[in-house]
Amino acid sequence: MRVRPGDSLRPVVLRLPLTLLLGMLIWLALRPALDRAVPAFAELLIRAYEVPRVTRLVSDQHQVEVRRSDSPPASTLPVLPLTGVHFNTIVLLALSLALPRPWSRRQLERLAMAWAVLLLVQVVNLTFEVKSLYATRCGAWSVANYSRLARDLFGFLQLFTDLPLRFSAPFLLWYGFNLEVVSGLIEGAESGTGTGGKRDRRGRS
C-alpha cells in the first residue's frame, strides 16, 4: 500500500491515544486466549528438546505454574506471571491501527502477520523464562544438572528476551511489516509534502 498525497505523520501521532485504548480493549478481550496459547506453545518448544519430557506449563489466573512429572508432589517451583509476556500486544495493535486505512485488507493482513511473529517472540520469551528458572533458581538441583556455561547462557537469553526483545519487538515488527507506509510518512513529514506542508507552501507563494 502506497502513501497517498494527503497522508501525513501528524494524524498518525494524534490517533495514537485512541488506538492505544482500542488496543488495550482488544488485548483484554483476547487475554484469556493468550494466557492459554503462549504457555501451550512454550511447553511444546521446551518438551521438543527435553529428555525426558517432564515439563508441563499450566496457566491459571494470568500466571503459569511450572510442573515437572519427575518432581515430588510437595515440591513447588515459582509461578511466572503471564501479563508481562504478552502485554506488548497492545503496543503493536496501537501502532498498526494508527496508520492510514488500518481496516483495509492489506493492512489487516500485515497486522495478522506481525502479530503471528510477535506471538512467537512471546513464546520464546516464556520458554527462556522457564529454562532460566531450571538453570539458575533451583539451588543445588540447578548446579547438579546444568553446567556453569549453560546457567550463564540461559540467564543471558532470559534477560535478552525479557527486556530488550520484549519491548522492541512491537516497534520492529510494526516498522518491518509497514516499511513502505511508515517510511513514506516519515519522508513526507521531513520534506513537508504532507497536508500541512502544502498549506505552508501556499502561504509562502
N, C-alpha and C. Protein backbone atom coordinates (compact mmCIF):
# COMPACT_ATOMS: atom_id res chain seq x y z
N MET A 1 0.83 -1.19 0.00
CA MET A 1 0.00 0.00 0.00
C MET A 1 0.87 1.25 0.00
N ARG A 2 0.68 2.07 -1.00
CA ARG A 2 1.47 3.29 -1.08
C ARG A 2 0.83 4.42 -0.28
N VAL A 3 1.68 5.34 0.16
CA VAL A 3 1.19 6.50 0.90
C VAL A 3 0.56 7.47 -0.08
N ARG A 4 -0.66 7.88 0.19
CA ARG A 4 -1.35 8.83 -0.67
C ARG A 4 -0.86 10.25 -0.41
N PRO A 5 -1.04 11.16 -1.36
CA PRO A 5 -0.54 12.53 -1.19
C PRO A 5 -1.08 13.21 0.06
N GLY A 6 -2.31 12.89 0.47
CA GLY A 6 -2.90 13.56 1.63
C GLY A 6 -2.48 13.00 2.97
N ASP A 7 -1.76 11.87 2.95
CA ASP A 7 -1.35 11.24 4.21
C ASP A 7 -0.16 11.98 4.82
N SER A 8 -0.18 12.11 6.12
CA SER A 8 0.95 12.73 6.82
C SER A 8 1.13 12.04 8.16
N LEU A 9 2.24 12.33 8.81
CA LEU A 9 2.57 11.67 10.06
C LEU A 9 1.77 12.22 11.23
N ARG A 10 1.38 13.47 11.15
CA ARG A 10 0.70 14.12 12.28
C ARG A 10 -0.61 13.41 12.67
N PRO A 11 -1.50 13.06 11.72
CA PRO A 11 -2.71 12.34 12.12
C PRO A 11 -2.43 10.99 12.77
N VAL A 12 -1.36 10.33 12.35
CA VAL A 12 -0.99 9.06 12.96
C VAL A 12 -0.65 9.26 14.43
N VAL A 13 0.13 10.29 14.73
CA VAL A 13 0.50 10.58 16.12
C VAL A 13 -0.73 10.96 16.94
N LEU A 14 -1.63 11.74 16.34
CA LEU A 14 -2.83 12.17 17.05
C LEU A 14 -3.78 11.01 17.33
N ARG A 15 -3.76 10.00 16.47
CA ARG A 15 -4.64 8.85 16.68
C ARG A 15 -4.10 7.87 17.72
N LEU A 16 -2.83 7.98 18.09
CA LEU A 16 -2.22 7.00 18.97
C LEU A 16 -2.92 6.85 20.33
N PRO A 17 -3.33 7.93 21.02
CA PRO A 17 -4.02 7.71 22.30
C PRO A 17 -5.30 6.90 22.14
N LEU A 18 -6.04 7.16 21.06
CA LEU A 18 -7.28 6.41 20.83
C LEU A 18 -6.99 4.95 20.48
N THR A 19 -6.01 4.74 19.60
CA THR A 19 -5.69 3.36 19.22
C THR A 19 -5.03 2.60 20.36
N LEU A 20 -4.36 3.31 21.26
CA LEU A 20 -3.80 2.66 22.44
C LEU A 20 -4.92 2.12 23.33
N LEU A 21 -5.96 2.91 23.49
CA LEU A 21 -7.12 2.47 24.26
C LEU A 21 -7.81 1.29 23.57
N LEU A 22 -7.96 1.40 22.24
CA LEU A 22 -8.59 0.32 21.49
C LEU A 22 -7.76 -0.96 21.56
N GLY A 23 -6.43 -0.80 21.46
CA GLY A 23 -5.54 -1.96 21.57
C GLY A 23 -5.65 -2.62 22.92
N MET A 24 -5.80 -1.83 23.98
CA MET A 24 -5.93 -2.38 25.32
C MET A 24 -7.23 -3.17 25.46
N LEU A 25 -8.31 -2.65 24.87
CA LEU A 25 -9.60 -3.35 24.94
C LEU A 25 -9.53 -4.67 24.18
N ILE A 26 -8.89 -4.66 23.00
CA ILE A 26 -8.74 -5.90 22.23
C ILE A 26 -7.90 -6.91 23.01
N TRP A 27 -6.80 -6.41 23.62
CA TRP A 27 -5.93 -7.29 24.40
C TRP A 27 -6.67 -7.90 25.59
N LEU A 28 -7.48 -7.09 26.27
CA LEU A 28 -8.25 -7.60 27.41
C LEU A 28 -9.24 -8.67 26.97
N ALA A 29 -9.85 -8.47 25.79
CA ALA A 29 -10.80 -9.46 25.28
C ALA A 29 -10.10 -10.77 24.91
N LEU A 30 -8.88 -10.66 24.38
CA LEU A 30 -8.14 -11.85 23.94
C LEU A 30 -7.21 -12.40 25.02
N ARG A 31 -7.14 -11.74 26.16
CA ARG A 31 -6.20 -12.14 27.21
C ARG A 31 -6.37 -13.59 27.65
N PRO A 32 -7.59 -14.08 27.87
CA PRO A 32 -7.72 -15.49 28.26
C PRO A 32 -7.16 -16.45 27.21
N ALA A 33 -7.37 -16.13 25.93
CA ALA A 33 -6.84 -16.98 24.86
C ALA A 33 -5.32 -16.93 24.83
N LEU A 34 -4.75 -15.74 25.02
CA LEU A 34 -3.30 -15.61 25.04
C LEU A 34 -2.70 -16.31 26.25
N ASP A 35 -3.39 -16.26 27.38
CA ASP A 35 -2.92 -16.95 28.58
C ASP A 35 -2.83 -18.46 28.37
N ARG A 36 -3.66 -18.98 27.47
CA ARG A 36 -3.61 -20.42 27.18
C ARG A 36 -2.62 -20.73 26.05
N ALA A 37 -2.63 -19.88 25.03
CA ALA A 37 -1.83 -20.17 23.83
C ALA A 37 -0.33 -20.08 24.08
N VAL A 38 0.12 -19.01 24.73
CA VAL A 38 1.55 -18.80 24.92
C VAL A 38 2.18 -19.93 25.76
N PRO A 39 1.61 -20.31 26.92
CA PRO A 39 2.19 -21.45 27.66
C PRO A 39 2.10 -22.77 26.89
N ALA A 40 1.02 -22.97 26.12
CA ALA A 40 0.88 -24.22 25.37
C ALA A 40 1.99 -24.37 24.34
N PHE A 41 2.26 -23.31 23.58
CA PHE A 41 3.32 -23.37 22.58
C PHE A 41 4.70 -23.43 23.24
N ALA A 42 4.87 -22.71 24.36
CA ALA A 42 6.15 -22.76 25.07
C ALA A 42 6.41 -24.16 25.60
N GLU A 43 5.38 -24.83 26.09
CA GLU A 43 5.53 -26.21 26.58
C GLU A 43 5.96 -27.14 25.44
N LEU A 44 5.35 -26.97 24.27
CA LEU A 44 5.73 -27.78 23.12
C LEU A 44 7.20 -27.56 22.75
N LEU A 45 7.63 -26.30 22.80
CA LEU A 45 9.01 -25.99 22.45
C LEU A 45 9.99 -26.55 23.47
N ILE A 46 9.66 -26.45 24.74
CA ILE A 46 10.54 -26.97 25.80
C ILE A 46 10.64 -28.49 25.71
N ARG A 47 9.50 -29.15 25.56
CA ARG A 47 9.48 -30.61 25.53
C ARG A 47 10.10 -31.18 24.27
N ALA A 48 10.17 -30.38 23.20
CA ALA A 48 10.79 -30.85 21.96
C ALA A 48 12.27 -31.13 22.13
N TYR A 49 12.92 -30.42 23.08
CA TYR A 49 14.36 -30.59 23.30
C TYR A 49 14.66 -31.12 24.69
N GLU A 50 13.67 -31.66 25.36
CA GLU A 50 13.80 -32.12 26.75
C GLU A 50 13.85 -33.65 26.79
N VAL A 51 14.83 -34.18 27.50
CA VAL A 51 14.96 -35.62 27.67
C VAL A 51 15.18 -35.91 29.15
N PRO A 52 14.25 -36.59 29.82
CA PRO A 52 12.93 -36.97 29.32
C PRO A 52 11.98 -35.77 29.32
N ARG A 53 10.83 -35.91 28.66
CA ARG A 53 9.87 -34.81 28.56
C ARG A 53 9.01 -34.77 29.82
N VAL A 54 9.38 -33.86 30.71
CA VAL A 54 8.74 -33.85 32.03
C VAL A 54 8.05 -32.52 32.34
N THR A 55 8.27 -31.49 31.55
CA THR A 55 7.76 -30.15 31.88
C THR A 55 6.30 -30.00 31.45
N ARG A 56 5.53 -29.42 32.33
CA ARG A 56 4.16 -29.04 32.00
C ARG A 56 3.95 -27.60 32.47
N LEU A 57 3.34 -26.79 31.63
CA LEU A 57 3.03 -25.40 31.96
C LEU A 57 1.52 -25.26 32.06
N VAL A 58 1.05 -24.90 33.24
CA VAL A 58 -0.39 -24.81 33.50
C VAL A 58 -0.74 -23.36 33.80
N SER A 59 -1.56 -22.76 32.96
CA SER A 59 -1.94 -21.36 33.15
C SER A 59 -3.14 -21.27 34.08
N ASP A 60 -3.10 -20.28 34.96
CA ASP A 60 -4.19 -20.06 35.91
C ASP A 60 -4.12 -18.63 36.43
N GLN A 61 -5.22 -17.89 36.26
CA GLN A 61 -5.31 -16.53 36.79
C GLN A 61 -4.17 -15.64 36.28
N HIS A 62 -3.93 -15.65 34.98
CA HIS A 62 -2.91 -14.82 34.34
C HIS A 62 -1.49 -15.14 34.81
N GLN A 63 -1.31 -16.37 35.30
CA GLN A 63 0.00 -16.85 35.71
C GLN A 63 0.20 -18.26 35.14
N VAL A 64 1.44 -18.71 35.13
CA VAL A 64 1.71 -20.06 34.66
C VAL A 64 2.48 -20.82 35.73
N GLU A 65 1.98 -22.00 36.06
CA GLU A 65 2.64 -22.87 37.02
C GLU A 65 3.54 -23.83 36.25
N VAL A 66 4.79 -23.93 36.69
CA VAL A 66 5.75 -24.84 36.08
C VAL A 66 5.74 -26.14 36.88
N ARG A 67 5.37 -27.22 36.22
CA ARG A 67 5.31 -28.52 36.88
C ARG A 67 6.21 -29.51 36.16
N ARG A 68 6.85 -30.38 36.94
CA ARG A 68 7.70 -31.43 36.38
C ARG A 68 7.20 -32.78 36.90
N SER A 69 7.01 -33.71 35.98
CA SER A 69 6.49 -35.02 36.37
C SER A 69 7.51 -35.85 37.15
N ASP A 70 8.79 -35.43 37.13
CA ASP A 70 9.82 -36.18 37.88
C ASP A 70 10.10 -35.58 39.24
N SER A 71 9.30 -34.59 39.65
CA SER A 71 9.49 -33.97 40.96
C SER A 71 8.43 -34.47 41.93
N PRO A 72 8.75 -34.53 43.23
CA PRO A 72 7.75 -34.94 44.22
C PRO A 72 6.56 -33.98 44.21
N PRO A 73 5.34 -34.46 44.51
CA PRO A 73 4.16 -33.59 44.52
C PRO A 73 4.29 -32.40 45.44
N ALA A 74 5.04 -32.57 46.54
CA ALA A 74 5.16 -31.48 47.51
C ALA A 74 6.09 -30.36 47.04
N SER A 75 6.97 -30.67 46.09
CA SER A 75 7.93 -29.66 45.64
C SER A 75 7.23 -28.66 44.73
N THR A 76 7.56 -27.39 44.90
CA THR A 76 6.92 -26.34 44.11
C THR A 76 7.98 -25.48 43.44
N LEU A 77 7.66 -25.02 42.25
CA LEU A 77 8.50 -24.09 41.52
C LEU A 77 7.81 -22.74 41.50
N PRO A 78 8.58 -21.65 41.36
CA PRO A 78 7.95 -20.33 41.33
C PRO A 78 6.92 -20.21 40.21
N VAL A 79 5.87 -19.45 40.49
CA VAL A 79 4.84 -19.17 39.50
C VAL A 79 5.27 -17.97 38.67
N LEU A 80 5.15 -18.07 37.35
CA LEU A 80 5.59 -17.00 36.46
C LEU A 80 4.39 -16.19 35.97
N PRO A 81 4.46 -14.86 36.05
CA PRO A 81 3.35 -14.04 35.55
C PRO A 81 3.31 -14.02 34.03
N LEU A 82 2.10 -14.01 33.47
CA LEU A 82 1.92 -14.01 32.02
C LEU A 82 1.63 -12.63 31.45
N THR A 83 1.16 -11.73 32.29
CA THR A 83 0.77 -10.41 31.78
C THR A 83 1.93 -9.71 31.08
N GLY A 84 3.10 -9.71 31.70
CA GLY A 84 4.25 -9.04 31.10
C GLY A 84 4.74 -9.70 29.83
N VAL A 85 4.43 -10.99 29.64
CA VAL A 85 4.91 -11.70 28.47
C VAL A 85 4.20 -11.24 27.21
N HIS A 86 2.87 -11.08 27.27
CA HIS A 86 2.13 -10.70 26.05
C HIS A 86 1.49 -9.32 26.13
N PHE A 87 1.89 -8.52 27.12
CA PHE A 87 1.38 -7.15 27.22
C PHE A 87 1.79 -6.29 26.02
N ASN A 88 2.92 -6.64 25.38
CA ASN A 88 3.39 -5.85 24.23
C ASN A 88 2.47 -5.96 23.02
N THR A 89 1.49 -6.85 23.08
CA THR A 89 0.48 -6.93 22.02
C THR A 89 -0.23 -5.59 21.88
N ILE A 90 -0.45 -4.90 22.98
CA ILE A 90 -1.14 -3.61 22.95
C ILE A 90 -0.37 -2.60 22.11
N VAL A 91 0.94 -2.59 22.25
CA VAL A 91 1.77 -1.64 21.50
C VAL A 91 1.67 -1.89 20.01
N LEU A 92 1.76 -3.17 19.60
CA LEU A 92 1.65 -3.50 18.17
C LEU A 92 0.28 -3.10 17.63
N LEU A 93 -0.78 -3.38 18.37
CA LEU A 93 -2.12 -3.02 17.92
C LEU A 93 -2.27 -1.51 17.80
N ALA A 94 -1.79 -0.78 18.80
CA ALA A 94 -1.93 0.68 18.78
C ALA A 94 -1.20 1.29 17.60
N LEU A 95 0.02 0.86 17.36
CA LEU A 95 0.80 1.40 16.25
C LEU A 95 0.18 1.05 14.90
N SER A 96 -0.28 -0.18 14.75
CA SER A 96 -0.84 -0.62 13.48
C SER A 96 -2.16 0.07 13.17
N LEU A 97 -3.01 0.21 14.17
CA LEU A 97 -4.32 0.83 13.95
C LEU A 97 -4.24 2.33 13.78
N ALA A 98 -3.11 2.93 14.14
CA ALA A 98 -2.94 4.38 13.96
C ALA A 98 -2.54 4.74 12.53
N LEU A 99 -2.12 3.78 11.73
CA LEU A 99 -1.70 4.05 10.35
C LEU A 99 -2.90 4.39 9.47
N PRO A 100 -2.68 5.03 8.33
CA PRO A 100 -3.79 5.32 7.41
C PRO A 100 -4.48 4.04 6.95
N ARG A 101 -5.82 4.06 6.87
CA ARG A 101 -6.64 2.95 6.39
C ARG A 101 -6.31 1.64 7.10
N PRO A 102 -6.40 1.62 8.43
CA PRO A 102 -6.00 0.42 9.18
C PRO A 102 -6.91 -0.78 8.95
N TRP A 103 -8.16 -0.53 8.51
CA TRP A 103 -9.11 -1.63 8.34
C TRP A 103 -9.12 -2.16 6.91
N SER A 104 -8.24 -1.68 6.07
CA SER A 104 -8.15 -2.22 4.72
C SER A 104 -7.61 -3.66 4.79
N ARG A 105 -7.92 -4.43 3.74
CA ARG A 105 -7.49 -5.83 3.74
C ARG A 105 -5.97 -5.94 3.83
N ARG A 106 -5.27 -5.07 3.11
CA ARG A 106 -3.81 -5.15 3.10
C ARG A 106 -3.24 -4.88 4.49
N GLN A 107 -3.77 -3.86 5.16
CA GLN A 107 -3.24 -3.54 6.49
C GLN A 107 -3.61 -4.59 7.52
N LEU A 108 -4.79 -5.17 7.41
CA LEU A 108 -5.17 -6.23 8.34
C LEU A 108 -4.31 -7.47 8.14
N GLU A 109 -3.96 -7.76 6.88
CA GLU A 109 -3.06 -8.89 6.62
C GLU A 109 -1.69 -8.64 7.23
N ARG A 110 -1.20 -7.42 7.09
CA ARG A 110 0.10 -7.08 7.67
C ARG A 110 0.06 -7.17 9.19
N LEU A 111 -1.03 -6.72 9.78
CA LEU A 111 -1.17 -6.81 11.23
C LEU A 111 -1.20 -8.27 11.67
N ALA A 112 -1.92 -9.11 10.94
CA ALA A 112 -2.00 -10.54 11.29
C ALA A 112 -0.62 -11.19 11.22
N MET A 113 0.15 -10.88 10.19
CA MET A 113 1.49 -11.47 10.05
C MET A 113 2.42 -10.98 11.16
N ALA A 114 2.37 -9.68 11.46
CA ALA A 114 3.21 -9.14 12.53
C ALA A 114 2.82 -9.73 13.88
N TRP A 115 1.52 -9.91 14.10
CA TRP A 115 1.03 -10.47 15.36
C TRP A 115 1.48 -11.91 15.51
N ALA A 116 1.49 -12.66 14.41
CA ALA A 116 1.94 -14.05 14.47
C ALA A 116 3.41 -14.13 14.89
N VAL A 117 4.24 -13.23 14.34
CA VAL A 117 5.66 -13.22 14.71
C VAL A 117 5.81 -12.77 16.17
N LEU A 118 5.00 -11.80 16.58
CA LEU A 118 5.06 -11.35 17.98
C LEU A 118 4.67 -12.47 18.93
N LEU A 119 3.70 -13.27 18.55
CA LEU A 119 3.31 -14.42 19.37
C LEU A 119 4.49 -15.39 19.52
N LEU A 120 5.23 -15.60 18.44
CA LEU A 120 6.42 -16.44 18.51
C LEU A 120 7.45 -15.86 19.47
N VAL A 121 7.64 -14.53 19.42
CA VAL A 121 8.56 -13.86 20.35
C VAL A 121 8.11 -14.08 21.79
N GLN A 122 6.81 -14.00 22.05
CA GLN A 122 6.29 -14.20 23.40
C GLN A 122 6.51 -15.64 23.86
N VAL A 123 6.34 -16.58 22.94
CA VAL A 123 6.56 -17.99 23.28
C VAL A 123 8.04 -18.24 23.63
N VAL A 124 8.93 -17.66 22.83
CA VAL A 124 10.37 -17.82 23.09
C VAL A 124 10.73 -17.16 24.43
N ASN A 125 10.13 -16.00 24.70
CA ASN A 125 10.36 -15.30 25.96
C ASN A 125 10.00 -16.19 27.16
N LEU A 126 8.80 -16.79 27.11
CA LEU A 126 8.38 -17.65 28.21
C LEU A 126 9.23 -18.92 28.28
N THR A 127 9.63 -19.44 27.14
CA THR A 127 10.48 -20.64 27.11
C THR A 127 11.78 -20.40 27.86
N PHE A 128 12.42 -19.27 27.60
CA PHE A 128 13.69 -18.99 28.29
C PHE A 128 13.47 -18.58 29.74
N GLU A 129 12.29 -18.08 30.07
CA GLU A 129 11.97 -17.84 31.48
C GLU A 129 12.00 -19.16 32.24
N VAL A 130 11.39 -20.18 31.65
CA VAL A 130 11.35 -21.49 32.30
C VAL A 130 12.74 -22.13 32.33
N LYS A 131 13.46 -22.07 31.22
CA LYS A 131 14.80 -22.66 31.18
C LYS A 131 15.74 -21.97 32.15
N SER A 132 15.62 -20.65 32.26
CA SER A 132 16.45 -19.92 33.23
C SER A 132 16.07 -20.29 34.66
N LEU A 133 14.77 -20.51 34.88
CA LEU A 133 14.31 -20.97 36.19
C LEU A 133 14.97 -22.29 36.56
N TYR A 134 14.98 -23.22 35.63
CA TYR A 134 15.62 -24.51 35.89
C TYR A 134 17.12 -24.35 36.15
N ALA A 135 17.76 -23.52 35.33
CA ALA A 135 19.22 -23.46 35.35
C ALA A 135 19.78 -22.62 36.50
N THR A 136 19.04 -21.65 36.99
CA THR A 136 19.63 -20.70 37.94
C THR A 136 18.88 -20.53 39.25
N ARG A 137 17.64 -21.02 39.34
CA ARG A 137 16.85 -20.69 40.54
C ARG A 137 16.32 -21.91 41.27
N CYS A 138 16.97 -23.03 41.06
CA CYS A 138 16.54 -24.25 41.76
C CYS A 138 17.65 -24.78 42.67
N GLY A 139 18.51 -23.90 43.12
CA GLY A 139 19.51 -24.25 44.11
C GLY A 139 20.47 -25.34 43.67
N ALA A 140 20.62 -26.35 44.54
CA ALA A 140 21.57 -27.44 44.29
C ALA A 140 21.19 -28.25 43.05
N TRP A 141 19.89 -28.35 42.78
CA TRP A 141 19.45 -29.11 41.60
C TRP A 141 19.96 -28.45 40.33
N SER A 142 19.93 -27.11 40.27
CA SER A 142 20.43 -26.39 39.11
C SER A 142 21.92 -26.63 38.91
N VAL A 143 22.68 -26.59 40.00
CA VAL A 143 24.12 -26.79 39.91
C VAL A 143 24.44 -28.21 39.46
N ALA A 144 23.64 -29.17 39.92
CA ALA A 144 23.89 -30.56 39.58
C ALA A 144 23.53 -30.91 38.15
N ASN A 145 22.56 -30.21 37.57
CA ASN A 145 22.05 -30.58 36.26
C ASN A 145 22.45 -29.63 35.13
N TYR A 146 23.01 -28.47 35.46
CA TYR A 146 23.40 -27.51 34.44
C TYR A 146 24.84 -27.05 34.69
N SER A 147 25.62 -27.01 33.65
CA SER A 147 26.99 -26.51 33.76
C SER A 147 26.96 -25.00 33.97
N ARG A 148 28.10 -24.46 34.34
CA ARG A 148 28.17 -23.00 34.53
C ARG A 148 27.89 -22.27 33.23
N LEU A 149 28.40 -22.83 32.11
CA LEU A 149 28.14 -22.22 30.81
C LEU A 149 26.65 -22.23 30.49
N ALA A 150 25.97 -23.33 30.76
CA ALA A 150 24.53 -23.42 30.50
C ALA A 150 23.76 -22.43 31.38
N ARG A 151 24.18 -22.30 32.63
CA ARG A 151 23.49 -21.37 33.53
C ARG A 151 23.67 -19.93 33.05
N ASP A 152 24.89 -19.59 32.64
CA ASP A 152 25.13 -18.24 32.14
C ASP A 152 24.37 -17.99 30.83
N LEU A 153 24.34 -18.99 29.96
CA LEU A 153 23.67 -18.85 28.67
C LEU A 153 22.17 -18.66 28.84
N PHE A 154 21.53 -19.51 29.63
CA PHE A 154 20.09 -19.38 29.83
C PHE A 154 19.74 -18.11 30.60
N GLY A 155 20.62 -17.70 31.51
CA GLY A 155 20.39 -16.43 32.20
C GLY A 155 20.44 -15.25 31.25
N PHE A 156 21.42 -15.27 30.33
CA PHE A 156 21.53 -14.19 29.34
C PHE A 156 20.33 -14.18 28.39
N LEU A 157 19.94 -15.36 27.90
CA LEU A 157 18.82 -15.44 26.97
C LEU A 157 17.51 -15.00 27.63
N GLN A 158 17.37 -15.32 28.90
CA GLN A 158 16.18 -14.87 29.62
C GLN A 158 16.14 -13.36 29.74
N LEU A 159 17.29 -12.75 30.09
CA LEU A 159 17.34 -11.30 30.20
C LEU A 159 17.15 -10.62 28.85
N PHE A 160 17.74 -11.19 27.81
CA PHE A 160 17.65 -10.60 26.47
C PHE A 160 16.22 -10.63 25.95
N THR A 161 15.54 -11.76 26.10
CA THR A 161 14.16 -11.84 25.61
C THR A 161 13.19 -11.12 26.54
N ASP A 162 13.58 -10.95 27.80
CA ASP A 162 12.68 -10.33 28.78
C ASP A 162 12.72 -8.81 28.72
N LEU A 163 13.87 -8.23 28.36
CA LEU A 163 13.98 -6.77 28.39
C LEU A 163 14.06 -6.17 26.98
N PRO A 164 15.20 -6.21 26.29
CA PRO A 164 15.25 -5.52 25.00
C PRO A 164 14.32 -6.11 23.95
N LEU A 165 14.24 -7.44 23.84
CA LEU A 165 13.42 -8.03 22.78
C LEU A 165 11.94 -7.83 23.05
N ARG A 166 11.52 -7.99 24.29
CA ARG A 166 10.09 -7.85 24.61
C ARG A 166 9.58 -6.46 24.27
N PHE A 167 10.37 -5.42 24.56
CA PHE A 167 9.91 -4.05 24.36
C PHE A 167 10.16 -3.54 22.95
N SER A 168 11.20 -4.05 22.30
CA SER A 168 11.49 -3.57 20.95
C SER A 168 10.73 -4.31 19.87
N ALA A 169 10.31 -5.55 20.13
CA ALA A 169 9.66 -6.38 19.11
C ALA A 169 8.44 -5.71 18.48
N PRO A 170 7.51 -5.11 19.24
CA PRO A 170 6.34 -4.50 18.59
C PRO A 170 6.73 -3.39 17.62
N PHE A 171 7.71 -2.57 17.99
CA PHE A 171 8.13 -1.47 17.12
C PHE A 171 8.83 -2.00 15.87
N LEU A 172 9.71 -2.99 16.04
CA LEU A 172 10.43 -3.54 14.90
C LEU A 172 9.49 -4.24 13.93
N LEU A 173 8.52 -4.99 14.45
CA LEU A 173 7.58 -5.69 13.59
C LEU A 173 6.64 -4.71 12.89
N TRP A 174 6.19 -3.69 13.61
CA TRP A 174 5.33 -2.66 13.01
C TRP A 174 6.05 -1.97 11.86
N TYR A 175 7.28 -1.59 12.09
CA TYR A 175 8.04 -0.92 11.04
C TYR A 175 8.39 -1.88 9.91
N GLY A 176 8.77 -3.10 10.25
CA GLY A 176 9.17 -4.06 9.23
C GLY A 176 8.04 -4.46 8.30
N PHE A 177 6.86 -4.68 8.83
CA PHE A 177 5.73 -5.09 8.00
C PHE A 177 5.02 -3.91 7.34
N ASN A 178 5.35 -2.69 7.77
CA ASN A 178 4.75 -1.49 7.16
C ASN A 178 5.84 -0.54 6.68
N LEU A 179 6.94 -1.10 6.21
CA LEU A 179 8.11 -0.31 5.86
C LEU A 179 7.78 0.79 4.85
N GLU A 180 7.06 0.44 3.79
CA GLU A 180 6.75 1.41 2.75
C GLU A 180 5.86 2.53 3.28
N VAL A 181 4.86 2.15 4.08
CA VAL A 181 3.92 3.15 4.61
C VAL A 181 4.61 4.08 5.60
N VAL A 182 5.31 3.49 6.58
CA VAL A 182 5.94 4.30 7.63
C VAL A 182 7.05 5.18 7.05
N SER A 183 7.85 4.61 6.15
CA SER A 183 8.92 5.40 5.53
C SER A 183 8.36 6.55 4.73
N GLY A 184 7.25 6.31 4.02
CA GLY A 184 6.62 7.38 3.25
C GLY A 184 6.09 8.49 4.14
N LEU A 185 5.51 8.12 5.28
CA LEU A 185 5.01 9.14 6.20
C LEU A 185 6.15 9.96 6.80
N ILE A 186 7.25 9.27 7.15
CA ILE A 186 8.39 9.98 7.73
C ILE A 186 9.03 10.91 6.70
N GLU A 187 9.20 10.42 5.48
CA GLU A 187 9.78 11.25 4.42
C GLU A 187 8.89 12.44 4.11
N GLY A 188 7.57 12.20 4.12
CA GLY A 188 6.64 13.30 3.88
C GLY A 188 6.70 14.36 4.96
N ALA A 189 6.85 13.90 6.23
CA ALA A 189 6.95 14.86 7.33
C ALA A 189 8.25 15.66 7.25
N GLU A 190 9.35 15.00 6.84
CA GLU A 190 10.64 15.70 6.76
C GLU A 190 10.70 16.67 5.59
N SER A 191 10.05 16.31 4.47
CA SER A 191 10.11 17.17 3.28
C SER A 191 8.95 18.15 3.19
N GLY A 192 7.97 17.99 4.11
CA GLY A 192 6.84 18.90 4.08
C GLY A 192 5.86 18.62 2.98
N THR A 193 5.77 17.34 2.52
CA THR A 193 4.86 17.01 1.43
C THR A 193 3.49 16.60 1.93
N GLY A 194 3.33 16.52 3.25
CA GLY A 194 2.02 16.17 3.79
C GLY A 194 1.07 17.33 3.65
N THR A 195 -0.12 17.21 4.23
CA THR A 195 -1.15 18.24 4.12
C THR A 195 -0.68 19.56 4.68
N GLY A 196 -0.03 19.49 5.86
CA GLY A 196 0.45 20.73 6.47
C GLY A 196 1.49 21.39 5.61
N GLY A 197 2.39 20.60 4.98
CA GLY A 197 3.42 21.16 4.13
C GLY A 197 2.85 21.86 2.94
N LYS A 198 1.75 21.37 2.35
CA LYS A 198 1.14 22.03 1.20
C LYS A 198 0.59 23.38 1.59
N ARG A 199 -0.02 23.44 2.76
CA ARG A 199 -0.56 24.73 3.19
C ARG A 199 0.56 25.74 3.41
N ASP A 200 1.71 25.28 3.94
CA ASP A 200 2.82 26.20 4.17
C ASP A 200 3.34 26.76 2.87
N ARG A 201 3.45 25.91 1.84
CA ARG A 201 3.96 26.41 0.56
C ARG A 201 3.00 27.41 -0.08
N ARG A 202 1.70 27.15 0.07
CA ARG A 202 0.74 28.10 -0.46
C ARG A 202 0.84 29.45 0.23
N GLY A 203 1.09 29.36 1.58
CA GLY A 203 1.18 30.60 2.32
C GLY A 203 2.39 31.40 1.93
N ARG A 204 3.49 30.71 1.54
CA ARG A 204 4.70 31.45 1.17
C ARG A 204 4.65 31.95 -0.27
N SER A 205 3.83 31.28 -1.12
CA SER A 205 3.79 31.68 -2.53
C SER A 205 2.92 32.92 -2.75
